[in-house]
C-alpha cells in the first residue's frame, strides 16, 4: 500500500498527543495500544523510504569495493 507524508504526520501527531485514534480523510483507525501506534509509524516510515528508493529520490546504500594487493616477485 502506498502511504503519504500526511498519514505519517497524522500518526506522529496522535502519538505526541497521547491519542490512539487517527483519522485519514474519511477513515478513522483506533489502535489498542501505544505500541501498535508506534509499529504503524515504523511501517509507514519504511514504506515511504522504500518508495523514495524505488523512484530514485533517495540513494541506496553505497557499494563497497575492496581491493587487496601484494607486492610480489
PDB file of N, CA and C in Angstrom:
ATOM      1  N   UNK A   1       0.840  -1.172   0.000  1.00  0.00           N
ATOM      2  CA  UNK A   1       0.000   0.000   0.000  1.00  0.00           C
ATOM      3  C   UNK A   1       0.889   1.241   0.000  1.00  0.00           C
ATOM      4  N   UNK A   2       0.511   2.222  -0.742  1.00  0.00           N
ATOM      5  CA  UNK A   2       1.274   3.462  -0.817  1.00  0.00           C
ATOM      6  C   UNK A   2       0.785   4.421   0.274  1.00  0.00           C
ATOM      7  N   UNK A   3       1.714   4.817   1.117  1.00  0.00           N
ATOM      8  CA  UNK A   3       1.401   5.749   2.196  1.00  0.00           C
ATOM      9  C   UNK A   3       1.849   7.143   1.800  1.00  0.00           C
ATOM     10  N   UNK A   4       1.324   8.143   2.487  1.00  0.00           N
ATOM     11  CA  UNK A   4       1.673   9.525   2.194  1.00  0.00           C
ATOM     12  C   UNK A   4       2.288  10.175   3.433  1.00  0.00           C
ATOM     13  N   UNK A   5       2.942  11.294   3.206  1.00  0.00           N
ATOM     14  CA  UNK A   5       3.535  12.062   4.307  1.00  0.00           C
ATOM     15  C   UNK A   5       2.453  12.556   5.265  1.00  0.00           C
ATOM     16  N   UNK A   6       1.258  12.857   4.733  1.00  0.00           N
ATOM     17  CA  UNK A   6       0.165  13.334   5.582  1.00  0.00           C
ATOM     18  C   UNK A   6      -0.262  12.249   6.568  1.00  0.00           C
ATOM     19  N   UNK A   7      -0.273  11.002   6.121  1.00  0.00           N
ATOM     20  CA  UNK A   7      -0.628   9.909   7.009  1.00  0.00           C
ATOM     21  C   UNK A   7       0.416   9.748   8.113  1.00  0.00           C
ATOM     22  N   UNK A   8       1.678   9.856   7.740  1.00  0.00           N
ATOM     23  CA  UNK A   8       2.746   9.772   8.740  1.00  0.00           C
ATOM     24  C   UNK A   8       2.630  10.916   9.737  1.00  0.00           C
ATOM     25  N   UNK A   9       2.349  12.105   9.267  1.00  0.00           N
ATOM     26  CA  UNK A   9       2.194  13.258  10.147  1.00  0.00           C
ATOM     27  C   UNK A   9       1.026  13.063  11.104  1.00  0.00           C
ATOM     28  N   UNK A  10      -0.074  12.520  10.609  1.00  0.00           N
ATOM     29  CA  UNK A  10      -1.244  12.283  11.459  1.00  0.00           C
ATOM     30  C   UNK A  10      -0.932  11.247  12.530  1.00  0.00           C
ATOM     31  N   UNK A  11      -0.203  10.191  12.181  1.00  0.00           N
ATOM     32  CA  UNK A  11       0.169   9.172  13.164  1.00  0.00           C
ATOM     33  C   UNK A  11       1.087   9.755  14.232  1.00  0.00           C
ATOM     34  N   UNK A  12       2.086  10.513  13.802  1.00  0.00           N
ATOM     35  CA  UNK A  12       3.023  11.104  14.761  1.00  0.00           C
ATOM     36  C   UNK A  12       2.332  12.130  15.655  1.00  0.00           C
ATOM     37  N   UNK A  13       1.384  12.868  15.095  1.00  0.00           N
ATOM     38  CA  UNK A  13       0.637  13.842  15.876  1.00  0.00           C
ATOM     39  C   UNK A  13      -0.211  13.154  16.937  1.00  0.00           C
ATOM     40  N   UNK A  14      -0.853  12.063  16.570  1.00  0.00           N
ATOM     41  CA  UNK A  14      -1.659  11.314  17.539  1.00  0.00           C
ATOM     42  C   UNK A  14      -0.785  10.762  18.657  1.00  0.00           C
ATOM     43  N   UNK A  15       0.386  10.270  18.309  1.00  0.00           N
ATOM     44  CA  UNK A  15       1.307   9.746  19.327  1.00  0.00           C
ATOM     45  C   UNK A  15       1.757  10.860  20.271  1.00  0.00           C
ATOM     46  N   UNK A  16       2.055  12.019  19.726  1.00  0.00           N
ATOM     47  CA  UNK A  16       2.507  13.145  20.546  1.00  0.00           C
ATOM     48  C   UNK A  16       1.409  13.620  21.498  1.00  0.00           C
ATOM     49  N   UNK A  17       0.156  13.536  21.058  1.00  0.00           N
ATOM     50  CA  UNK A  17      -0.964  13.976  21.888  1.00  0.00           C
ATOM     51  C   UNK A  17      -1.425  12.902  22.872  1.00  0.00           C
ATOM     52  N   UNK A  18      -0.918  11.676  22.698  1.00  0.00           N
ATOM     53  CA  UNK A  18      -1.336  10.593  23.569  1.00  0.00           C
ATOM     54  C   UNK A  18      -2.644   9.953  23.153  1.00  0.00           C
ATOM     55  N   UNK A  19      -3.071  10.210  21.935  1.00  0.00           N
ATOM     56  CA  UNK A  19      -4.319   9.640  21.421  1.00  0.00           C
ATOM     57  C   UNK A  19      -4.039   8.309  20.750  1.00  0.00           C
ATOM     58  N   UNK A  20      -5.059   7.473  20.688  1.00  0.00           N
ATOM     59  CA  UNK A  20      -4.927   6.203  19.990  1.00  0.00           C
ATOM     60  C   UNK A  20      -5.847   6.137  18.781  1.00  0.00           C
ATOM     61  N   UNK A  21      -6.537   7.220  18.493  1.00  0.00           N
ATOM     62  CA  UNK A  21      -7.444   7.285  17.349  1.00  0.00           C
ATOM     63  C   UNK A  21      -6.866   8.253  16.313  1.00  0.00           C
ATOM     64  N   UNK A  22      -6.772   7.772  15.060  1.00  0.00           N
ATOM     65  CA  UNK A  22      -6.187   8.569  13.986  1.00  0.00           C
ATOM     66  C   UNK A  22      -7.188   8.634  12.835  1.00  0.00           C
ATOM     67  N   UNK A  23      -7.347   9.815  12.249  1.00  0.00           N
ATOM     68  CA  UNK A  23      -8.268   9.995  11.133  1.00  0.00           C
ATOM     69  C   UNK A  23      -7.484  10.375   9.890  1.00  0.00           C
ATOM     70  N   UNK A  24      -7.698   9.617   8.799  1.00  0.00           N
ATOM     71  CA  UNK A  24      -7.118   9.900   7.486  1.00  0.00           C
ATOM     72  C   UNK A  24      -8.270  10.203   6.543  1.00  0.00           C
ATOM     73  N   UNK A  25      -8.491  11.463   6.268  1.00  0.00           N
ATOM     74  CA  UNK A  25      -9.589  11.817   5.378  1.00  0.00           C
ATOM     75  C   UNK A  25     -10.919  11.389   5.977  1.00  0.00           C
ATOM     76  N   UNK A  26     -11.565  10.398   5.360  1.00  0.00           N
ATOM     77  CA  UNK A  26     -12.866   9.934   5.840  1.00  0.00           C
ATOM     78  C   UNK A  26     -12.771   8.640   6.645  1.00  0.00           C
ATOM     79  N   UNK A  27     -11.565   8.123   6.865  1.00  0.00           N
ATOM     80  CA  UNK A  27     -11.386   6.880   7.608  1.00  0.00           C
ATOM     81  C   UNK A  27     -10.776   7.163   8.975  1.00  0.00           C
ATOM     82  N   UNK A  28     -11.252   6.425   9.965  1.00  0.00           N
ATOM     83  CA  UNK A  28     -10.734   6.550  11.319  1.00  0.00           C
ATOM     84  C   UNK A  28     -10.252   5.187  11.792  1.00  0.00           C
ATOM     85  N   UNK A  29      -9.060   5.176  12.369  1.00  0.00           N
ATOM     86  CA  UNK A  29      -8.477   3.946  12.897  1.00  0.00           C
ATOM     87  C   UNK A  29      -8.182   4.167  14.369  1.00  0.00           C
ATOM     88  N   UNK A  30      -8.582   3.190  15.200  1.00  0.00           N
ATOM     89  CA  UNK A  30      -8.279   3.275  16.619  1.00  0.00           C
ATOM     90  C   UNK A  30      -7.353   2.120  16.976  1.00  0.00           C
ATOM     91  N   UNK A  31      -6.198   2.446  17.525  1.00  0.00           N
ATOM     92  CA  UNK A  31      -5.207   1.456  17.909  1.00  0.00           C
ATOM     93  C   UNK A  31      -5.445   1.047  19.352  1.00  0.00           C
ATOM     94  N   UNK A  32      -5.178  -0.221  19.663  1.00  0.00           N
ATOM     95  CA  UNK A  32      -5.418  -0.726  21.011  1.00  0.00           C
ATOM     96  C   UNK A  32      -4.371  -0.241  21.995  1.00  0.00           C
ATOM     97  N   UNK A  33      -3.121  -0.157  21.540  1.00  0.00           N
ATOM     98  CA  UNK A  33      -2.042   0.248  22.443  1.00  0.00           C
ATOM     99  C   UNK A  33      -1.153   1.275  21.753  1.00  0.00           C
ATOM    100  N   UNK A  34      -0.335   1.922  22.542  1.00  0.00           N
ATOM    101  CA  UNK A  34       0.632   2.881  22.006  1.00  0.00           C
ATOM    102  C   UNK A  34       1.677   2.139  21.172  1.00  0.00           C
ATOM    103  N   UNK A  35       2.011   0.908  21.578  1.00  0.00           N
ATOM    104  CA  UNK A  35       2.983   0.108  20.834  1.00  0.00           C
ATOM    105  C   UNK A  35       2.490  -0.165  19.413  1.00  0.00           C
ATOM    106  N   UNK A  36       1.189  -0.446  19.269  1.00  0.00           N
ATOM    107  CA  UNK A  36       0.627  -0.652  17.934  1.00  0.00           C
ATOM    108  C   UNK A  36       0.751   0.616  17.095  1.00  0.00           C
ATOM    109  N   UNK A  37       0.529   1.753  17.714  1.00  0.00           N
ATOM    110  CA  UNK A  37       0.655   3.030  17.011  1.00  0.00           C
ATOM    111  C   UNK A  37       2.096   3.252  16.581  1.00  0.00           C
ATOM    112  N   UNK A  38       3.053   2.924  17.456  1.00  0.00           N
ATOM    113  CA  UNK A  38       4.468   3.062  17.106  1.00  0.00           C
ATOM    114  C   UNK A  38       4.845   2.106  15.972  1.00  0.00           C
ATOM    115  N   UNK A  39       4.300   0.901  15.981  1.00  0.00           N
ATOM    116  CA  UNK A  39       4.553  -0.050  14.903  1.00  0.00           C
ATOM    117  C   UNK A  39       3.988   0.464  13.579  1.00  0.00           C
ATOM    118  N   UNK A  40       2.818   1.094  13.633  1.00  0.00           N
ATOM    119  CA  UNK A  40       2.223   1.663  12.423  1.00  0.00           C
ATOM    120  C   UNK A  40       3.095   2.789  11.877  1.00  0.00           C
ATOM    121  N   UNK A  41       3.640   3.606  12.763  1.00  0.00           N
ATOM    122  CA  UNK A  41       4.522   4.687  12.338  1.00  0.00           C
ATOM    123  C   UNK A  41       5.766   4.107  11.671  1.00  0.00           C
ATOM    124  N   UNK A  42       6.340   3.076  12.274  1.00  0.00           N
ATOM    125  CA  UNK A  42       7.533   2.450  11.695  1.00  0.00           C
ATOM    126  C   UNK A  42       7.217   1.845  10.323  1.00  0.00           C
ATOM    127  N   UNK A  43       6.057   1.226  10.186  1.00  0.00           N
ATOM    128  CA  UNK A  43       5.653   0.644   8.907  1.00  0.00           C
ATOM    129  C   UNK A  43       5.522   1.717   7.828  1.00  0.00           C
ATOM    130  N   UNK A  44       4.889   2.819   8.171  1.00  0.00           N
ATOM    131  CA  UNK A  44       4.712   3.904   7.202  1.00  0.00           C
ATOM    132  C   UNK A  44       6.057   4.514   6.833  1.00  0.00           C
ATOM    133  N   UNK A  45       6.946   4.696   7.819  1.00  0.00           N
ATOM    134  CA  UNK A  45       8.277   5.249   7.523  1.00  0.00           C
ATOM    135  C   UNK A  45       9.057   4.327   6.596  1.00  0.00           C
ATOM    136  N   UNK A  46       9.014   3.012   6.852  1.00  0.00           N
ATOM    137  CA  UNK A  46       9.709   2.060   5.968  1.00  0.00           C
ATOM    138  C   UNK A  46       9.134   2.096   4.570  1.00  0.00           C
ATOM    139  N   UNK A  47       7.817   2.162   4.485  1.00  0.00           N
ATOM    140  CA  UNK A  47       7.167   2.186   3.182  1.00  0.00           C
ATOM    141  C   UNK A  47       7.530   3.452   2.404  1.00  0.00           C
ATOM    142  N   UNK A  48       7.532   4.592   3.084  1.00  0.00           N
ATOM    143  CA  UNK A  48       7.906   5.846   2.419  1.00  0.00           C
ATOM    144  C   UNK A  48       9.365   5.803   1.965  1.00  0.00           C
ATOM    145  N   UNK A  49      10.232   5.216   2.777  1.00  0.00           N
ATOM    146  CA  UNK A  49      11.638   5.098   2.394  1.00  0.00           C
ATOM    147  C   UNK A  49      11.780   4.188   1.170  1.00  0.00           C
ATOM    148  N   UNK A  50      11.080   3.064   1.183  1.00  0.00           N
ATOM    149  CA  UNK A  50      11.140   2.144   0.045  1.00  0.00           C
ATOM    150  C   UNK A  50      10.608   2.796  -1.230  1.00  0.00           C
ATOM    151  N   UNK A  51       9.547   3.598  -1.098  1.00  0.00           N
ATOM    152  CA  UNK A  51       9.010   4.316  -2.253  1.00  0.00           C
ATOM    153  C   UNK A  51      10.036   5.310  -2.786  1.00  0.00           C
ATOM    154  N   UNK A  52      10.711   6.011  -1.888  1.00  0.00           N
ATOM    155  CA  UNK A  52      11.719   7.000  -2.303  1.00  0.00           C
ATOM    156  C   UNK A  52      12.892   6.319  -2.985  1.00  0.00           C
ATOM    157  N   UNK A  53      13.323   5.175  -2.465  1.00  0.00           N
ATOM    158  CA  UNK A  53      14.425   4.440  -3.087  1.00  0.00           C
ATOM    159  C   UNK A  53      13.991   3.933  -4.459  1.00  0.00           C
ATOM    160  N   UNK A  54      12.762   3.444  -4.551  1.00  0.00           N
ATOM    161  CA  UNK A  54      12.259   2.920  -5.819  1.00  0.00           C
ATOM    162  C   UNK A  54      12.154   3.970  -6.912  1.00  0.00           C
ATOM    163  N   UNK A  55      11.863   5.196  -6.546  1.00  0.00           N
ATOM    164  CA  UNK A  55      11.737   6.259  -7.535  1.00  0.00           C
ATOM    165  C   UNK A  55      13.050   6.989  -7.775  1.00  0.00           C
ATOM    166  N   UNK A  56      14.089   6.645  -6.994  1.00  0.00           N
ATOM    167  CA  UNK A  56      15.383   7.290  -7.182  1.00  0.00           C
ATOM    168  C   UNK A  56      15.538   8.578  -6.408  1.00  0.00           C
ATOM    169  N   UNK A  57      14.574   8.917  -5.555  1.00  0.00           N
ATOM    170  CA  UNK A  57      14.674  10.142  -4.768  1.00  0.00           C
ATOM    171  C   UNK A  57      15.628   9.986  -3.595  1.00  0.00           C
ATOM    172  N   UNK A  58      15.863   8.774  -3.168  1.00  0.00           N
ATOM    173  CA  UNK A  58      16.764   8.509  -2.048  1.00  0.00           C
ATOM    174  C   UNK A  58      17.772   7.487  -2.520  1.00  0.00           C
ATOM    175  N   UNK A  59      19.034   7.765  -2.372  1.00  0.00           N
ATOM    176  CA  UNK A  59      20.027   6.808  -2.866  1.00  0.00           C
ATOM    177  C   UNK A  59      20.066   5.548  -2.017  1.00  0.00           C
ATOM    178  N   UNK A  60      20.417   4.486  -2.676  1.00  0.00           N
ATOM    179  CA  UNK A  60      20.585   3.225  -1.952  1.00  0.00           C
ATOM    180  C   UNK A  60      21.889   3.258  -1.176  1.00  0.00           C
ATOM    181  N   UNK A  61      22.086   2.256  -0.379  1.00  0.00           N
ATOM    182  CA  UNK A  61      23.319   2.175   0.379  1.00  0.00           C
ATOM    183  C   UNK A  61      24.500   2.075  -0.577  1.00  0.00           C
ATOM    184  N   UNK A  62      25.581   2.758  -0.288  1.00  0.00           N
ATOM    185  CA  UNK A  62      26.726   2.712  -1.195  1.00  0.00           C
ATOM    186  C   UNK A  62      27.348   1.314  -1.223  1.00  0.00           C
ATOM    187  N   UNK A  63      27.836   0.961  -2.384  1.00  0.00           N
ATOM    188  CA  UNK A  63      28.520  -0.319  -2.522  1.00  0.00           C
ATOM    189  C   UNK A  63      29.950  -0.177  -2.041  1.00  0.00           C
ATOM    190  N   UNK A  64      30.459  -1.251  -1.518  1.00  0.00           N
ATOM    191  CA  UNK A  64      31.841  -1.243  -1.063  1.00  0.00           C
ATOM    192  C   UNK A  64      32.662  -2.103  -2.005  1.00  0.00           C
ATOM    193  N   UNK A  65      33.752  -1.547  -2.439  1.00  0.00           N
ATOM    194  CA  UNK A  65      34.681  -2.288  -3.288  1.00  0.00           C
ATOM    195  C   UNK A  65      35.995  -2.370  -2.530  1.00  0.00           C
ATOM    196  N   UNK A  66      36.444  -3.569  -2.296  1.00  0.00           N
ATOM    197  CA  UNK A  66      37.695  -3.752  -1.563  1.00  0.00           C
ATOM    198  C   UNK A  66      38.724  -4.338  -2.511  1.00  0.00           C
ATOM    199  N   UNK A  67      39.872  -3.742  -2.477  1.00  0.00           N
ATOM    200  CA  UNK A  67      40.968  -4.195  -3.330  1.00  0.00           C
ATOM    201  C   UNK A  67      42.132  -4.604  -2.432  1.00  0.00           C
ATOM    202  N   UNK A  68      42.559  -5.812  -2.584  1.00  0.00           N
ATOM    203  CA  UNK A  68      43.717  -6.312  -1.837  1.00  0.00           C
ATOM    204  C   UNK A  68      44.856  -6.497  -2.820  1.00  0.00           C
ATOM    205  N   UNK A  69      45.987  -5.931  -2.495  1.00  0.00           N
ATOM    206  CA  UNK A  69      47.161  -6.073  -3.362  1.00  0.00           C
ATOM    207  C   UNK A  69      48.347  -6.513  -2.529  1.00  0.00           C
ATOM    208  N   UNK A  70      49.287  -7.136  -3.199  1.00  0.00           N
ATOM    209  CA  UNK A  70      50.536  -7.543  -2.576  1.00  0.00           C
ATOM    210  C   UNK A  70      51.667  -7.241  -3.533  1.00  0.00           C
ATOM    211  N   UNK A  71      52.718  -6.815  -2.960  1.00  0.00           N
ATOM    212  CA  UNK A  71      53.902  -6.616  -3.774  1.00  0.00           C
ATOM    213  C   UNK A  71      54.605  -7.981  -3.839  1.00  0.00           C
ATOM    214  N   UNK A  72      54.664  -8.521  -4.977  1.00  0.00           N
ATOM    215  CA  UNK A  72      55.230  -9.842  -5.087  1.00  0.00           C
ATOM    216  C   UNK A  72      56.253  -9.954  -6.222  1.00  0.00           C
ATOM    217  N   UNK A  73      57.075 -10.964  -6.136  1.00  0.00           N
ATOM    218  CA  UNK A  73      58.068 -11.207  -7.168  1.00  0.00           C
ATOM    219  C   UNK A  73      57.767 -12.470  -7.877  1.00  0.00           C
TER     220      UNK A  73
END
